[in-house]
């Protein structure tokens, strides 16, 4: 009988201040993480300024997972 292995799930690291997440179209820089909210800057390549935003932690984690973001 063959042993069946299930695919391994990639565990995403928790958000922390100072992280840089790279995605296909933009970079997400985490400025500050609170109990419920994340302050971050979304920067597209070849731009001078980025968009400062605040969203719930769960929303950011779902977005990073959907965009297949990689921690740089």
N, C-alpha and C. Protein backbone atom coordinates (compact mmCIF):
# COMPACT_ATOMS: atom_id res chain seq x y z
N UNK A 1 0.84 -1.17 0.00
CA UNK A 1 0.00 0.00 0.00
C UNK A 1 0.89 1.24 0.00
N UNK A 2 0.56 2.20 -0.88
CA UNK A 2 1.36 3.41 -0.98
C UNK A 2 0.91 4.44 0.04
N UNK A 3 1.87 5.16 0.54
CA UNK A 3 1.57 6.22 1.48
C UNK A 3 1.21 7.48 0.69
N UNK A 4 0.06 8.05 0.98
CA UNK A 4 -0.40 9.23 0.29
C UNK A 4 -0.01 10.45 1.11
N UNK A 5 0.69 11.38 0.46
CA UNK A 5 1.09 12.60 1.14
C UNK A 5 0.24 13.75 0.64
N UNK A 6 -0.17 14.57 1.54
CA UNK A 6 -0.96 15.75 1.17
C UNK A 6 -0.02 16.89 0.83
N UNK A 7 -0.45 17.81 -0.04
CA UNK A 7 0.43 18.95 -0.36
C UNK A 7 0.66 19.81 0.87
N UNK A 8 1.87 20.31 0.98
CA UNK A 8 2.21 21.14 2.14
C UNK A 8 1.66 22.54 1.96
N UNK A 9 1.10 23.06 3.00
CA UNK A 9 0.57 24.41 2.98
C UNK A 9 1.68 25.38 3.35
N UNK A 10 1.79 26.45 2.60
CA UNK A 10 2.79 27.46 2.90
C UNK A 10 2.24 28.36 3.99
N UNK A 11 2.94 28.41 5.10
CA UNK A 11 2.52 29.23 6.22
C UNK A 11 3.06 30.64 6.02
N UNK A 12 2.16 31.60 6.02
CA UNK A 12 2.56 32.97 5.81
C UNK A 12 3.01 33.58 7.14
N UNK A 13 4.11 34.33 7.08
CA UNK A 13 4.62 34.95 8.29
C UNK A 13 3.68 36.05 8.75
N UNK A 14 3.59 36.27 10.06
CA UNK A 14 2.73 37.35 10.55
C UNK A 14 3.29 38.71 10.15
N UNK A 15 2.40 39.66 9.99
CA UNK A 15 2.82 41.01 9.61
C UNK A 15 3.57 41.68 10.75
N UNK A 16 4.63 42.38 10.40
CA UNK A 16 5.42 43.12 11.39
C UNK A 16 5.89 44.42 10.76
N UNK A 17 6.16 45.39 11.58
CA UNK A 17 6.60 46.70 11.09
C UNK A 17 7.93 46.56 10.37
N UNK A 18 8.05 47.26 9.23
CA UNK A 18 9.29 47.26 8.48
C UNK A 18 9.38 46.21 7.40
N UNK A 19 8.40 45.35 7.27
CA UNK A 19 8.44 44.31 6.24
C UNK A 19 8.19 44.90 4.86
N UNK A 20 8.76 44.25 3.84
CA UNK A 20 8.55 44.62 2.46
C UNK A 20 8.05 43.38 1.72
N UNK A 21 6.83 43.42 1.23
CA UNK A 21 6.22 42.32 0.50
C UNK A 21 6.22 42.67 -0.98
N UNK A 22 6.78 41.80 -1.80
CA UNK A 22 6.85 42.02 -3.24
C UNK A 22 5.76 41.23 -3.95
N UNK A 23 5.03 41.94 -4.82
CA UNK A 23 3.98 41.33 -5.64
C UNK A 23 4.29 41.64 -7.10
N UNK A 24 3.50 41.10 -8.01
CA UNK A 24 3.75 41.28 -9.44
C UNK A 24 3.68 42.74 -9.84
N UNK A 25 2.70 43.49 -9.38
CA UNK A 25 2.51 44.86 -9.84
C UNK A 25 2.94 45.93 -8.87
N UNK A 26 3.28 45.58 -7.63
CA UNK A 26 3.58 46.61 -6.65
C UNK A 26 4.32 46.00 -5.45
N UNK A 27 4.82 46.88 -4.60
CA UNK A 27 5.45 46.48 -3.34
C UNK A 27 4.62 47.03 -2.20
N UNK A 28 4.46 46.26 -1.14
CA UNK A 28 3.72 46.70 0.03
C UNK A 28 4.70 46.82 1.19
N UNK A 29 4.84 48.02 1.74
CA UNK A 29 5.74 48.27 2.87
C UNK A 29 4.90 48.49 4.12
N UNK A 30 5.09 47.63 5.11
CA UNK A 30 4.34 47.72 6.36
C UNK A 30 5.01 48.75 7.26
N UNK A 31 4.25 49.77 7.64
CA UNK A 31 4.79 50.82 8.50
C UNK A 31 4.56 50.50 9.98
N UNK A 32 3.32 50.13 10.33
CA UNK A 32 2.99 49.89 11.72
C UNK A 32 1.85 48.87 11.80
N UNK A 33 1.92 47.97 12.77
CA UNK A 33 0.89 46.96 12.96
C UNK A 33 0.30 47.14 14.35
N UNK A 34 -1.02 47.29 14.42
CA UNK A 34 -1.70 47.42 15.70
C UNK A 34 -2.44 46.14 16.03
N UNK A 35 -3.41 46.22 16.94
CA UNK A 35 -4.20 45.05 17.30
C UNK A 35 -5.10 44.60 16.16
N UNK A 36 -5.71 45.56 15.48
CA UNK A 36 -6.65 45.24 14.41
C UNK A 36 -6.26 45.79 13.05
N UNK A 37 -5.50 46.89 13.02
CA UNK A 37 -5.23 47.57 11.76
C UNK A 37 -3.75 47.55 11.39
N UNK A 38 -3.50 47.71 10.09
CA UNK A 38 -2.15 47.79 9.56
C UNK A 38 -2.01 49.09 8.79
N UNK A 39 -0.98 49.87 9.10
CA UNK A 39 -0.63 51.06 8.33
C UNK A 39 0.42 50.60 7.32
N UNK A 40 0.17 50.85 6.04
CA UNK A 40 1.09 50.39 5.02
C UNK A 40 1.15 51.37 3.86
N UNK A 41 2.18 51.20 3.04
CA UNK A 41 2.36 52.02 1.84
C UNK A 41 2.44 51.07 0.66
N UNK A 42 1.59 51.30 -0.34
CA UNK A 42 1.57 50.50 -1.55
C UNK A 42 2.29 51.29 -2.64
N UNK A 43 3.43 50.77 -3.09
CA UNK A 43 4.28 51.48 -4.04
C UNK A 43 4.40 50.67 -5.33
N UNK A 44 4.06 51.30 -6.45
CA UNK A 44 4.22 50.66 -7.75
C UNK A 44 5.64 50.94 -8.25
N UNK A 45 6.16 50.08 -9.13
CA UNK A 45 7.52 50.30 -9.64
C UNK A 45 7.65 51.63 -10.38
N UNK A 46 8.83 52.23 -10.28
CA UNK A 46 9.17 53.48 -10.96
C UNK A 46 8.27 54.65 -10.56
N UNK A 47 7.83 54.70 -9.32
CA UNK A 47 7.07 55.85 -8.82
C UNK A 47 7.83 56.48 -7.66
N UNK A 48 7.59 57.76 -7.47
CA UNK A 48 8.27 58.48 -6.40
C UNK A 48 7.52 58.31 -5.09
N UNK A 49 6.22 58.44 -5.14
CA UNK A 49 5.40 58.35 -3.93
C UNK A 49 4.52 57.11 -3.98
N UNK A 50 4.14 56.68 -2.79
CA UNK A 50 3.24 55.55 -2.68
C UNK A 50 1.95 55.97 -2.01
N UNK A 51 1.00 55.10 -2.01
CA UNK A 51 -0.30 55.35 -1.41
C UNK A 51 -0.28 54.86 0.03
N UNK A 52 -0.47 55.76 1.00
CA UNK A 52 -0.56 55.38 2.41
C UNK A 52 -1.97 54.93 2.71
N UNK A 53 -2.11 53.78 3.36
CA UNK A 53 -3.43 53.24 3.64
C UNK A 53 -3.46 52.56 5.00
N UNK A 54 -4.68 52.36 5.48
CA UNK A 54 -4.93 51.63 6.72
C UNK A 54 -6.05 50.63 6.43
N UNK A 55 -5.81 49.37 6.75
CA UNK A 55 -6.81 48.32 6.56
C UNK A 55 -6.69 47.31 7.69
N UNK A 56 -7.73 46.49 7.88
CA UNK A 56 -7.64 45.42 8.88
C UNK A 56 -6.59 44.38 8.50
N UNK A 57 -6.01 43.74 9.49
CA UNK A 57 -4.96 42.75 9.29
C UNK A 57 -5.45 41.61 8.40
N UNK A 58 -6.65 41.12 8.65
CA UNK A 58 -7.19 40.00 7.87
C UNK A 58 -7.30 40.35 6.39
N UNK A 59 -7.69 41.57 6.07
CA UNK A 59 -7.83 42.00 4.69
C UNK A 59 -6.48 42.01 3.99
N UNK A 60 -5.46 42.51 4.67
CA UNK A 60 -4.12 42.55 4.09
C UNK A 60 -3.58 41.14 3.87
N UNK A 61 -3.79 40.25 4.82
CA UNK A 61 -3.32 38.88 4.67
C UNK A 61 -3.99 38.18 3.50
N UNK A 62 -5.28 38.40 3.32
CA UNK A 62 -6.01 37.81 2.19
C UNK A 62 -5.48 38.38 0.87
N UNK A 63 -5.23 39.68 0.84
CA UNK A 63 -4.71 40.34 -0.37
C UNK A 63 -3.32 39.80 -0.72
N UNK A 64 -2.45 39.66 0.27
CA UNK A 64 -1.11 39.16 0.02
C UNK A 64 -1.13 37.73 -0.47
N UNK A 65 -2.02 36.92 0.08
CA UNK A 65 -2.13 35.54 -0.34
C UNK A 65 -2.67 35.44 -1.77
N UNK A 66 -3.67 36.27 -2.10
CA UNK A 66 -4.25 36.25 -3.44
C UNK A 66 -3.26 36.71 -4.50
N UNK A 67 -2.42 37.67 -4.17
CA UNK A 67 -1.43 38.20 -5.12
C UNK A 67 -0.12 37.41 -5.10
N UNK A 68 -0.04 36.37 -4.26
CA UNK A 68 1.16 35.53 -4.13
C UNK A 68 2.38 36.36 -3.80
N UNK A 69 2.25 37.18 -2.77
CA UNK A 69 3.32 38.07 -2.35
C UNK A 69 4.45 37.30 -1.68
N UNK A 70 5.66 37.80 -1.86
CA UNK A 70 6.85 37.19 -1.29
C UNK A 70 7.52 38.21 -0.37
N UNK A 71 7.90 37.77 0.81
CA UNK A 71 8.58 38.65 1.76
C UNK A 71 10.02 38.86 1.30
N UNK A 72 10.38 40.13 1.12
CA UNK A 72 11.74 40.45 0.64
C UNK A 72 12.67 40.72 1.79
